Amino acid sequence: MEDKIILNGLIEKLDKDFEISDGLIEINDSGKYLEDIRKHLIEKIIEQMEKNFERFLNTLYRIDLDETKLSEILATHAVADIPEIIADMIIERQMQRVKTQLLYKQGKL
């Protein structure tokens, strides 16, 4: 049950910045669903990087990704690998935020 709440929170956050909910199905298998989220996010990242890279970087800054790590990735990895790496970073960060918000709502923080 908590996995479903976390995944729904993740979709909410990703949808705000990347319009990720298009084409996603109902959550039945959380592992498969997370992989679907990742695939959609990678597509959106590629799209945003190609359309307006500066705006894309601003989105990453607003999400609060580690700037040093992001700069290192952009400088040292093949262009084809960057969307996947950034997608994983975004998912990890947004899941941290969702879990923190849940703990706060439950009075555990």
PDB file of N, CA and C in Angstrom:
ATOM      1  N   MET A   1       0.822  -1.198   0.000  1.00  0.00           N
ATOM      2  CA  MET A   1       0.000   0.000   0.000  1.00  0.00           C
ATOM      3  C   MET A   1       0.866   1.263   0.000  1.00  0.00           C
ATOM      4  N   GLU A   2       1.901   1.265   0.861  1.00  0.00           N
ATOM      5  CA  GLU A   2       2.764   2.443   0.926  1.00  0.00           C
ATOM      6  C   GLU A   2       3.519   2.642  -0.385  1.00  0.00           C
ATOM      7  N   ASP A   3       3.895   1.524  -1.045  1.00  0.00           N
ATOM      8  CA  ASP A   3       4.562   1.637  -2.349  1.00  0.00           C
ATOM      9  C   ASP A   3       3.677   2.374  -3.342  1.00  0.00           C
ATOM     10  N   LYS A   4       2.400   2.061  -3.329  1.00  0.00           N
ATOM     11  CA  LYS A   4       1.451   2.699  -4.236  1.00  0.00           C
ATOM     12  C   LYS A   4       1.357   4.197  -3.934  1.00  0.00           C
ATOM     13  N   ILE A   5       1.342   4.557  -2.674  1.00  0.00           N
ATOM     14  CA  ILE A   5       1.281   5.973  -2.275  1.00  0.00           C
ATOM     15  C   ILE A   5       2.541   6.691  -2.731  1.00  0.00           C
ATOM     16  N   ILE A   6       3.688   6.053  -2.549  1.00  0.00           N
ATOM     17  CA  ILE A   6       4.961   6.661  -2.956  1.00  0.00           C
ATOM     18  C   ILE A   6       5.010   6.827  -4.472  1.00  0.00           C
ATOM     19  N   LEU A   7       4.584   5.795  -5.214  1.00  0.00           N
ATOM     20  CA  LEU A   7       4.588   5.889  -6.675  1.00  0.00           C
ATOM     21  C   LEU A   7       3.618   6.960  -7.169  1.00  0.00           C
ATOM     22  N   ASN A   8       2.460   7.068  -6.539  1.00  0.00           N
ATOM     23  CA  ASN A   8       1.517   8.121  -6.917  1.00  0.00           C
ATOM     24  C   ASN A   8       2.109   9.497  -6.644  1.00  0.00           C
ATOM     25  N   GLY A   9       2.779   9.649  -5.517  1.00  0.00           N
ATOM     26  CA  GLY A   9       3.454  10.913  -5.204  1.00  0.00           C
ATOM     27  C   GLY A   9       4.563  11.222  -6.196  1.00  0.00           C
ATOM     28  N   LEU A  10       5.303  10.190  -6.578  1.00  0.00           N
ATOM     29  CA  LEU A  10       6.365  10.346  -7.566  1.00  0.00           C
ATOM     30  C   LEU A  10       5.797  10.833  -8.893  1.00  0.00           C
ATOM     31  N   ILE A  11       4.709  10.189  -9.343  1.00  0.00           N
ATOM     32  CA  ILE A  11       4.066  10.593 -10.600  1.00  0.00           C
ATOM     33  C   ILE A  11       3.606  12.039 -10.519  1.00  0.00           C
ATOM     34  N   GLU A  12       3.030  12.419  -9.403  1.00  0.00           N
ATOM     35  CA  GLU A  12       2.567  13.797  -9.219  1.00  0.00           C
ATOM     36  C   GLU A  12       3.716  14.792  -9.394  1.00  0.00           C
ATOM     37  N   LYS A  13       4.829  14.510  -8.764  1.00  0.00           N
ATOM     38  CA  LYS A  13       5.986  15.411  -8.848  1.00  0.00           C
ATOM     39  C   LYS A  13       6.573  15.436 -10.260  1.00  0.00           C
ATOM     40  N   LEU A  14       6.712  14.268 -10.871  1.00  0.00           N
ATOM     41  CA  LEU A  14       7.284  14.209 -12.214  1.00  0.00           C
ATOM     42  C   LEU A  14       6.350  14.834 -13.246  1.00  0.00           C
ATOM     43  N   ASP A  15       5.063  14.695 -13.021  1.00  0.00           N
ATOM     44  CA  ASP A  15       4.088  15.250 -13.959  1.00  0.00           C
ATOM     45  C   ASP A  15       4.160  16.770 -13.990  1.00  0.00           C
ATOM     46  N   LYS A  16       4.457  17.354 -12.853  1.00  0.00           N
ATOM     47  CA  LYS A  16       4.543  18.813 -12.776  1.00  0.00           C
ATOM     48  C   LYS A  16       5.657  19.359 -13.668  1.00  0.00           C
ATOM     49  N   ASP A  17       6.782  18.685 -13.693  1.00  0.00           N
ATOM     50  CA  ASP A  17       7.937  19.175 -14.454  1.00  0.00           C
ATOM     51  C   ASP A  17       8.097  18.522 -15.829  1.00  0.00           C
ATOM     52  N   PHE A  18       7.596  17.300 -15.981  1.00  0.00           N
ATOM     53  CA  PHE A  18       7.874  16.560 -17.214  1.00  0.00           C
ATOM     54  C   PHE A  18       6.630  15.995 -17.904  1.00  0.00           C
ATOM     55  N   GLU A  19       5.440  16.293 -17.381  1.00  0.00           N
ATOM     56  CA  GLU A  19       4.195  15.765 -17.967  1.00  0.00           C
ATOM     57  C   GLU A  19       4.325  14.276 -18.228  1.00  0.00           C
ATOM     58  N   ILE A  20       4.634  13.552 -17.186  1.00  0.00           N
ATOM     59  CA  ILE A  20       5.005  12.141 -17.289  1.00  0.00           C
ATOM     60  C   ILE A  20       3.813  11.187 -17.258  1.00  0.00           C
ATOM     61  N   SER A  21       2.640  11.615 -16.823  1.00  0.00           N
ATOM     62  CA  SER A  21       1.531  10.679 -16.626  1.00  0.00           C
ATOM     63  C   SER A  21       0.875  10.225 -17.923  1.00  0.00           C
ATOM     64  N   ASP A  22       1.150  10.884 -19.033  1.00  0.00           N
ATOM     65  CA  ASP A  22       0.572  10.481 -20.317  1.00  0.00           C
ATOM     66  C   ASP A  22       0.959   9.049 -20.644  1.00  0.00           C
ATOM     67  N   GLY A  23      -0.042   8.206 -20.838  1.00  0.00           N
ATOM     68  CA  GLY A  23       0.219   6.848 -21.284  1.00  0.00           C
ATOM     69  C   GLY A  23       0.578   5.860 -20.190  1.00  0.00           C
ATOM     70  N   LEU A  24       0.668   6.302 -18.953  1.00  0.00           N
ATOM     71  CA  LEU A  24       0.986   5.363 -17.880  1.00  0.00           C
ATOM     72  C   LEU A  24      -0.291   4.649 -17.437  1.00  0.00           C
ATOM     73  N   ILE A  25      -0.131   3.399 -17.080  1.00  0.00           N
ATOM     74  CA  ILE A  25      -1.279   2.595 -16.692  1.00  0.00           C
ATOM     75  C   ILE A  25      -1.403   2.563 -15.172  1.00  0.00           C
ATOM     76  N   GLU A  26      -2.478   1.956 -14.708  1.00  0.00           N
ATOM     77  CA  GLU A  26      -2.711   1.852 -13.267  1.00  0.00           C
ATOM     78  C   GLU A  26      -1.615   1.016 -12.606  1.00  0.00           C
ATOM     79  N   ILE A  27      -1.307   1.344 -11.373  1.00  0.00           N
ATOM     80  CA  ILE A  27      -0.246   0.647 -10.647  1.00  0.00           C
ATOM     81  C   ILE A  27      -0.745  -0.722 -10.189  1.00  0.00           C
ATOM     82  N   ASN A  28      -0.165  -1.769 -10.749  1.00  0.00           N
ATOM     83  CA  ASN A  28      -0.442  -3.132 -10.297  1.00  0.00           C
ATOM     84  C   ASN A  28       0.840  -3.765  -9.778  1.00  0.00           C
ATOM     85  N   ASP A  29       1.854  -3.740 -10.586  1.00  0.00           N
ATOM     86  CA  ASP A  29       3.163  -4.285 -10.236  1.00  0.00           C
ATOM     87  C   ASP A  29       4.104  -3.092 -10.082  1.00  0.00           C
ATOM     88  N   SER A  30       4.445  -2.734  -8.844  1.00  0.00           N
ATOM     89  CA  SER A  30       5.205  -1.502  -8.605  1.00  0.00           C
ATOM     90  C   SER A  30       6.568  -1.517  -9.290  1.00  0.00           C
ATOM     91  N   GLY A  31       7.218  -2.686  -9.405  1.00  0.00           N
ATOM     92  CA  GLY A  31       8.515  -2.762 -10.080  1.00  0.00           C
ATOM     93  C   GLY A  31       8.390  -2.449 -11.558  1.00  0.00           C
ATOM     94  N   LYS A  32       7.398  -3.034 -12.223  1.00  0.00           N
ATOM     95  CA  LYS A  32       7.166  -2.775 -13.638  1.00  0.00           C
ATOM     96  C   LYS A  32       6.729  -1.332 -13.832  1.00  0.00           C
ATOM     97  N   TYR A  33       5.895  -0.847 -12.955  1.00  0.00           N
ATOM     98  CA  TYR A  33       5.394   0.518 -13.075  1.00  0.00           C
ATOM     99  C   TYR A  33       6.533   1.521 -12.956  1.00  0.00           C
ATOM    100  N   LEU A  34       7.449   1.289 -12.042  1.00  0.00           N
ATOM    101  CA  LEU A  34       8.597   2.176 -11.884  1.00  0.00           C
ATOM    102  C   LEU A  34       9.451   2.173 -13.151  1.00  0.00           C
ATOM    103  N   GLU A  35       9.585   1.024 -13.795  1.00  0.00           N
ATOM    104  CA  GLU A  35      10.331   0.950 -15.051  1.00  0.00           C
ATOM    105  C   GLU A  35       9.602   1.729 -16.149  1.00  0.00           C
ATOM    106  N   ASP A  36       8.263   1.656 -16.169  1.00  0.00           N
ATOM    107  CA  ASP A  36       7.482   2.445 -17.137  1.00  0.00           C
ATOM    108  C   ASP A  36       7.669   3.941 -16.893  1.00  0.00           C
ATOM    109  N   ILE A  37       7.656   4.340 -15.631  1.00  0.00           N
ATOM    110  CA  ILE A  37       7.883   5.745 -15.279  1.00  0.00           C
ATOM    111  C   ILE A  37       9.248   6.175 -15.807  1.00  0.00           C
ATOM    112  N   ARG A  38      10.251   5.342 -15.571  1.00  0.00           N
ATOM    113  CA  ARG A  38      11.623   5.658 -16.000  1.00  0.00           C
ATOM    114  C   ARG A  38      11.698   5.828 -17.516  1.00  0.00           C
ATOM    115  N   LYS A  39      11.070   4.917 -18.254  1.00  0.00           N
ATOM    116  CA  LYS A  39      11.086   5.006 -19.723  1.00  0.00           C
ATOM    117  C   LYS A  39      10.442   6.299 -20.210  1.00  0.00           C
ATOM    118  N   HIS A  40       9.285   6.631 -19.648  1.00  0.00           N
ATOM    119  CA  HIS A  40       8.603   7.871 -20.021  1.00  0.00           C
ATOM    120  C   HIS A  40       9.452   9.088 -19.666  1.00  0.00           C
ATOM    121  N   LEU A  41      10.062   9.045 -18.505  1.00  0.00           N
ATOM    122  CA  LEU A  41      10.891  10.165 -18.069  1.00  0.00           C
ATOM    123  C   LEU A  41      12.096  10.347 -18.990  1.00  0.00           C
ATOM    124  N   ILE A  42      12.727   9.267 -19.387  1.00  0.00           N
ATOM    125  CA  ILE A  42      13.869   9.355 -20.297  1.00  0.00           C
ATOM    126  C   ILE A  42      13.444  10.021 -21.609  1.00  0.00           C
ATOM    127  N   GLU A  43      12.288   9.634 -22.135  1.00  0.00           N
ATOM    128  CA  GLU A  43      11.783  10.254 -23.365  1.00  0.00           C
ATOM    129  C   GLU A  43      11.579  11.755 -23.179  1.00  0.00           C
ATOM    130  N   LYS A  44      10.998  12.139 -22.051  1.00  0.00           N
ATOM    131  CA  LYS A  44      10.742  13.556 -21.782  1.00  0.00           C
ATOM    132  C   LYS A  44      12.048  14.328 -21.594  1.00  0.00           C
ATOM    133  N   ILE A  45      13.023  13.703 -20.962  1.00  0.00           N
ATOM    134  CA  ILE A  45      14.333  14.347 -20.770  1.00  0.00           C
ATOM    135  C   ILE A  45      14.985  14.607 -22.121  1.00  0.00           C
ATOM    136  N   ILE A  46      14.981  13.613 -22.983  1.00  0.00           N
ATOM    137  CA  ILE A  46      15.563  13.779 -24.320  1.00  0.00           C
ATOM    138  C   ILE A  46      14.865  14.925 -25.049  1.00  0.00           C
ATOM    139  N   GLU A  47      13.557  14.926 -24.975  1.00  0.00           N
ATOM    140  CA  GLU A  47      12.766  15.975 -25.631  1.00  0.00           C
ATOM    141  C   GLU A  47      13.127  17.363 -25.100  1.00  0.00           C
ATOM    142  N   GLN A  48      13.193  17.502 -23.785  1.00  0.00           N
ATOM    143  CA  GLN A  48      13.503  18.801 -23.189  1.00  0.00           C
ATOM    144  C   GLN A  48      14.942  19.220 -23.460  1.00  0.00           C
ATOM    145  N   MET A  49      15.862  18.267 -23.454  1.00  0.00           N
ATOM    146  CA  MET A  49      17.257  18.602 -23.738  1.00  0.00           C
ATOM    147  C   MET A  49      17.407  19.139 -25.162  1.00  0.00           C
ATOM    148  N   GLU A  50      16.650  18.563 -26.080  1.00  0.00           N
ATOM    149  CA  GLU A  50      16.732  18.987 -27.477  1.00  0.00           C
ATOM    150  C   GLU A  50      16.022  20.316 -27.719  1.00  0.00           C
ATOM    151  N   LYS A  51      14.887  20.523 -27.065  1.00  0.00           N
ATOM    152  CA  LYS A  51      14.097  21.740 -27.289  1.00  0.00           C
ATOM    153  C   LYS A  51      14.732  22.977 -26.669  1.00  0.00           C
ATOM    154  N   ASN A  52      15.024  22.886 -25.371  1.00  0.00           N
ATOM    155  CA  ASN A  52      15.506  24.061 -24.650  1.00  0.00           C
ATOM    156  C   ASN A  52      16.380  23.581 -23.481  1.00  0.00           C
ATOM    157  N   PHE A  53      17.662  23.423 -23.748  1.00  0.00           N
ATOM    158  CA  PHE A  53      18.575  22.856 -22.760  1.00  0.00           C
ATOM    159  C   PHE A  53      18.668  23.728 -21.510  1.00  0.00           C
ATOM    160  N   GLU A  54      18.676  25.034 -21.685  1.00  0.00           N
ATOM    161  CA  GLU A  54      18.764  25.957 -20.535  1.00  0.00           C
ATOM    162  C   GLU A  54      17.555  25.797 -19.607  1.00  0.00           C
ATOM    163  N   ARG A  55      16.382  25.691 -20.193  1.00  0.00           N
ATOM    164  CA  ARG A  55      15.168  25.493 -19.391  1.00  0.00           C
ATOM    165  C   ARG A  55      15.220  24.138 -18.675  1.00  0.00           C
ATOM    166  N   PHE A  56      15.737  23.136 -19.380  1.00  0.00           N
ATOM    167  CA  PHE A  56      15.893  21.814 -18.791  1.00  0.00           C
ATOM    168  C   PHE A  56      16.792  21.876 -17.556  1.00  0.00           C
ATOM    169  N   LEU A  57      17.908  22.581 -17.672  1.00  0.00           N
ATOM    170  CA  LEU A  57      18.820  22.729 -16.531  1.00  0.00           C
ATOM    171  C   LEU A  57      18.153  23.461 -15.379  1.00  0.00           C
ATOM    172  N   ASN A  58      17.327  24.455 -15.688  1.00  0.00           N
ATOM    173  CA  ASN A  58      16.585  25.163 -14.638  1.00  0.00           C
ATOM    174  C   ASN A  58      15.623  24.228 -13.913  1.00  0.00           C
ATOM    175  N   THR A  59      15.005  23.333 -14.658  1.00  0.00           N
ATOM    176  CA  THR A  59      14.109  22.340 -14.056  1.00  0.00           C
ATOM    177  C   THR A  59      14.887  21.444 -13.097  1.00  0.00           C
ATOM    178  N   LEU A  60      16.063  21.004 -13.518  1.00  0.00           N
ATOM    179  CA  LEU A  60      16.889  20.154 -12.652  1.00  0.00           C
ATOM    180  C   LEU A  60      17.324  20.895 -11.397  1.00  0.00           C
ATOM    181  N   TYR A  61      17.603  22.177 -11.538  1.00  0.00           N
ATOM    182  CA  TYR A  61      17.980  23.001 -10.382  1.00  0.00           C
ATOM    183  C   TYR A  61      16.797  23.101  -9.414  1.00  0.00           C
ATOM    184  N   ARG A  62      15.593  23.304  -9.954  1.00  0.00           N
ATOM    185  CA  ARG A  62      14.397  23.427  -9.116  1.00  0.00           C
ATOM    186  C   ARG A  62      14.100  22.108  -8.400  1.00  0.00           C
ATOM    187  N   ILE A  63      14.369  20.991  -9.065  1.00  0.00           N
ATOM    188  CA  ILE A  63      14.173  19.677  -8.448  1.00  0.00           C
ATOM    189  C   ILE A  63      15.195  19.457  -7.337  1.00  0.00           C
ATOM    190  N   ASP A  64      16.276  20.190  -7.389  1.00  0.00           N
ATOM    191  CA  ASP A  64      17.324  20.150  -6.371  1.00  0.00           C
ATOM    192  C   ASP A  64      18.251  18.940  -6.535  1.00  0.00           C
ATOM    193  N   LEU A  65      18.640  18.689  -7.790  1.00  0.00           N
ATOM    194  CA  LEU A  65      19.664  17.666  -8.019  1.00  0.00           C
ATOM    195  C   LEU A  65      21.016  18.245  -7.636  1.00  0.00           C
ATOM    196  N   ASP A  66      21.914  17.382  -7.240  1.00  0.00           N
ATOM    197  CA  ASP A  66      23.264  17.783  -6.866  1.00  0.00           C
ATOM    198  C   ASP A  66      23.965  18.385  -8.084  1.00  0.00           C
ATOM    199  N   GLU A  67      24.239  19.688  -8.033  1.00  0.00           N
ATOM    200  CA  GLU A  67      24.823  20.400  -9.176  1.00  0.00           C
ATOM    201  C   GLU A  67      26.217  19.890  -9.536  1.00  0.00           C
ATOM    202  N   THR A  68      27.013  19.572  -8.549  1.00  0.00           N
ATOM    203  CA  THR A  68      28.362  19.070  -8.803  1.00  0.00           C
ATOM    204  C   THR A  68      28.303  17.734  -9.534  1.00  0.00           C
ATOM    205  N   LYS A  69      27.458  16.851  -9.037  1.00  0.00           N
ATOM    206  CA  LYS A  69      27.309  15.535  -9.656  1.00  0.00           C
ATOM    207  C   LYS A  69      26.746  15.673 -11.071  1.00  0.00           C
ATOM    208  N   LEU A  70      25.784  16.563 -11.253  1.00  0.00           N
ATOM    209  CA  LEU A  70      25.191  16.791 -12.566  1.00  0.00           C
ATOM    210  C   LEU A  70      26.230  17.326 -13.553  1.00  0.00           C
ATOM    211  N   SER A  71      27.025  18.285 -13.133  1.00  0.00           N
ATOM    212  CA  SER A  71      28.079  18.833 -13.996  1.00  0.00           C
ATOM    213  C   SER A  71      29.074  17.751 -14.394  1.00  0.00           C
ATOM    214  N   GLU A  72      29.422  16.911 -13.437  1.00  0.00           N
ATOM    215  CA  GLU A  72      30.353  15.814 -13.710  1.00  0.00           C
ATOM    216  C   GLU A  72      29.764  14.846 -14.742  1.00  0.00           C
ATOM    217  N   ILE A  73      28.494  14.522 -14.593  1.00  0.00           N
ATOM    218  CA  ILE A  73      27.835  13.612 -15.532  1.00  0.00           C
ATOM    219  C   ILE A  73      27.808  14.212 -16.930  1.00  0.00           C
ATOM    220  N   LEU A  74      27.450  15.483 -17.017  1.00  0.00           N
ATOM    221  CA  LEU A  74      27.380  16.143 -18.325  1.00  0.00           C
ATOM    222  C   LEU A  74      28.750  16.208 -18.994  1.00  0.00           C
ATOM    223  N   ALA A  75      29.797  16.317 -18.197  1.00  0.00           N
ATOM    224  CA  ALA A  75      31.148  16.453 -18.749  1.00  0.00           C
ATOM    225  C   ALA A  75      31.817  15.119 -19.074  1.00  0.00           C
ATOM    226  N   THR A  76      31.446  14.061 -18.382  1.00  0.00           N
ATOM    227  CA  THR A  76      32.221  12.820 -18.508  1.00  0.00           C
ATOM    228  C   THR A  76      31.495  11.659 -19.178  1.00  0.00           C
ATOM    229  N   HIS A  77      30.208  11.755 -19.384  1.00  0.00           N
ATOM    230  CA  HIS A  77      29.468  10.623 -19.957  1.00  0.00           C
ATOM    231  C   HIS A  77      29.097  10.883 -21.406  1.00  0.00           C
ATOM    232  N   ALA A  78      28.908   9.799 -22.130  1.00  0.00           N
ATOM    233  CA  ALA A  78      28.464   9.897 -23.519  1.00  0.00           C
ATOM    234  C   ALA A  78      27.072  10.513 -23.559  1.00  0.00           C
ATOM    235  N   VAL A  79      26.836  11.326 -24.559  1.00  0.00           N
ATOM    236  CA  VAL A  79      25.560  12.035 -24.691  1.00  0.00           C
ATOM    237  C   VAL A  79      24.384  11.063 -24.659  1.00  0.00           C
ATOM    238  N   ALA A  80      24.531   9.908 -25.259  1.00  0.00           N
ATOM    239  CA  ALA A  80      23.452   8.921 -25.309  1.00  0.00           C
ATOM    240  C   ALA A  80      23.101   8.362 -23.925  1.00  0.00           C
ATOM    241  N   ASP A  81      24.060   8.359 -23.004  1.00  0.00           N
ATOM    242  CA  ASP A  81      23.834   7.808 -21.660  1.00  0.00           C
ATOM    243  C   ASP A  81      23.252   8.825 -20.682  1.00  0.00           C
ATOM    244  N   ILE A  82      23.410  10.086 -20.965  1.00  0.00           N
ATOM    245  CA  ILE A  82      23.034  11.142 -20.026  1.00  0.00           C
ATOM    246  C   ILE A  82      21.552  11.114 -19.645  1.00  0.00           C
ATOM    247  N   PRO A  83      20.601  10.983 -20.578  1.00  0.00           N
ATOM    248  CA  PRO A  83      19.194  10.971 -20.166  1.00  0.00           C
ATOM    249  C   PRO A  83      18.856   9.873 -19.164  1.00  0.00           C
ATOM    250  N   GLU A  84      19.431   8.689 -19.339  1.00  0.00           N
ATOM    251  CA  GLU A  84      19.159   7.592 -18.412  1.00  0.00           C
ATOM    252  C   GLU A  84      19.724   7.881 -17.026  1.00  0.00           C
ATOM    253  N   ILE A  85      20.917   8.400 -16.977  1.00  0.00           N
ATOM    254  CA  ILE A  85      21.554   8.708 -15.696  1.00  0.00           C
ATOM    255  C   ILE A  85      20.774   9.802 -14.970  1.00  0.00           C
ATOM    256  N   ILE A  86      20.397  10.838 -15.706  1.00  0.00           N
ATOM    257  CA  ILE A  86      19.643  11.940 -15.097  1.00  0.00           C
ATOM    258  C   ILE A  86      18.266  11.460 -14.654  1.00  0.00           C
ATOM    259  N   ALA A  87      17.632  10.589 -15.440  1.00  0.00           N
ATOM    260  CA  ALA A  87      16.322  10.050 -15.058  1.00  0.00           C
ATOM    261  C   ALA A  87      16.418   9.327 -13.717  1.00  0.00           C
ATOM    262  N   ASP A  88      17.461   8.527 -13.552  1.00  0.00           N
ATOM    263  CA  ASP A  88      17.648   7.813 -12.284  1.00  0.00           C
ATOM    264  C   ASP A  88      17.864   8.791 -11.130  1.00  0.00           C
ATOM    265  N   MET A  89      18.622   9.848 -11.378  1.00  0.00           N
ATOM    266  CA  MET A  89      18.859  10.857 -10.336  1.00  0.00           C
ATOM    267  C   MET A  89      17.556  11.562  -9.958  1.00  0.00           C
ATOM    268  N   ILE A  90      16.751  11.887 -10.956  1.00  0.00           N
ATOM    269  CA  ILE A  90      15.485  12.579 -10.706  1.00  0.00           C
ATOM    270  C   ILE A  90      14.542  11.683  -9.918  1.00  0.00           C
ATOM    271  N   ILE A  91      14.419  10.434 -10.332  1.00  0.00           N
ATOM    272  CA  ILE A  91      13.529   9.502  -9.629  1.00  0.00           C
ATOM    273  C   ILE A  91      13.966   9.334  -8.178  1.00  0.00           C
ATOM    274  N   GLU A  92      15.255   9.160  -7.975  1.00  0.00           N
ATOM    275  CA  GLU A  92      15.771   9.001  -6.610  1.00  0.00           C
ATOM    276  C   GLU A  92      15.465  10.234  -5.755  1.00  0.00           C
ATOM    277  N   ARG A  93      15.716  11.412  -6.296  1.00  0.00           N
ATOM    278  CA  ARG A  93      15.489  12.652  -5.545  1.00  0.00           C
ATOM    279  C   ARG A  93      14.009  12.860  -5.246  1.00  0.00           C
ATOM    280  N   GLN A  94      13.164  12.641  -6.244  1.00  0.00           N
ATOM    281  CA  GLN A  94      11.740  12.868  -6.043  1.00  0.00           C
ATOM    282  C   GLN A  94      11.147  11.841  -5.082  1.00  0.00           C
ATOM    283  N   MET A  95      11.643  10.614  -5.100  1.00  0.00           N
ATOM    284  CA  MET A  95      11.165   9.617  -4.143  1.00  0.00           C
ATOM    285  C   MET A  95      11.576   9.995  -2.721  1.00  0.00           C
ATOM    286  N   GLN A  96      12.775  10.551  -2.577  1.00  0.00           N
ATOM    287  CA  GLN A  96      13.201  11.040  -1.260  1.00  0.00           C
ATOM    288  C   GLN A  96      12.229  12.107  -0.768  1.00  0.00           C
ATOM    289  N   ARG A  97      11.869  13.008  -1.651  1.00  0.00           N
ATOM    290  CA  ARG A  97      10.954  14.092  -1.277  1.00  0.00           C
ATOM    291  C   ARG A  97       9.584  13.555  -0.891  1.00  0.00           C
ATOM    292  N   VAL A  98       9.059  12.601  -1.661  1.00  0.00           N
ATOM    293  CA  VAL A  98       7.748  12.008  -1.365  1.00  0.00           C
ATOM    294  C   VAL A  98       7.780  11.305  -0.008  1.00  0.00           C
ATOM    295  N   LYS A  99       8.828  10.516   0.239  1.00  0.00           N
ATOM    296  CA  LYS A  99       8.934   9.800   1.517  1.00  0.00           C
ATOM    297  C   LYS A  99       9.035  10.771   2.684  1.00  0.00           C
ATOM    298  N   THR A 100       9.782  11.839   2.514  1.00  0.00           N
ATOM    299  CA  THR A 100       9.903  12.847   3.570  1.00  0.00           C
ATOM    300  C   THR A 100       8.551  13.498   3.850  1.00  0.00           C
ATOM    301  N   GLN A 101       7.817  13.807   2.795  1.00  0.00           N
ATOM    302  CA  GLN A 101       6.501  14.412   2.973  1.00  0.00           C
ATOM    303  C   GLN A 101       5.547  13.455   3.683  1.00  0.00           C
ATOM    304  N   LEU A 102       5.617  12.162   3.350  1.00  0.00           N
ATOM    305  CA  LEU A 102       4.777  11.176   4.036  1.00  0.00           C
ATOM    306  C   LEU A 102       5.116  11.088   5.522  1.00  0.00           C
ATOM    307  N   LEU A 103       6.394  11.045   5.826  1.00  0.00           N
ATOM    308  CA  LEU A 103       6.820  11.011   7.232  1.00  0.00           C
ATOM    309  C   LEU A 103       6.350  12.255   7.982  1.00  0.00           C
ATOM    310  N   TYR A 104       6.423  13.388   7.324  1.00  0.00           N
ATOM    311  CA  TYR A 104       5.995  14.639   7.945  1.00  0.00           C
ATOM    312  C   TYR A 104       4.483  14.605   8.219  1.00  0.00           C
ATOM    313  N   LYS A 105       3.695  14.129   7.247  1.00  0.00           N
ATOM    314  CA  LYS A 105       2.243  14.046   7.412  1.00  0.00           C
ATOM    315  C   LYS A 105       1.865  13.072   8.530  1.00  0.00           C
ATOM    316  N   GLN A 106       2.681  12.030   8.691  1.00  0.00           N
ATOM    317  CA  GLN A 106       2.423  11.034   9.744  1.00  0.00           C
ATOM    318  C   GLN A 106       2.942  11.482  11.104  1.00  0.00           C
ATOM    319  N   GLY A 107       3.551  12.648  11.161  1.00  0.00           N
ATOM    320  CA  GLY A 107       4.084  13.167  12.414  1.00  0.00           C
ATOM    321  C   GLY A 107       5.361  12.493  12.872  1.00  0.00           C
ATOM    322  N   LYS A 108       6.071  11.877  11.963  1.00  0.00           N
ATOM    323  CA  LYS A 108       7.290  11.164  12.304  1.00  0.00           C
ATOM    324  C   LYS A 108       8.535  12.014  12.077  1.00  0.00           C
ATOM    325  N   LEU A 109       8.351  13.255  11.691  1.00  0.00           N
ATOM    326  CA  LEU A 109       9.473  14.178  11.523  1.00  0.00           C
ATOM    327  C   LEU A 109       9.276  15.396  12.385  1.00  0.00           C
TER     328      LEU A 109
END
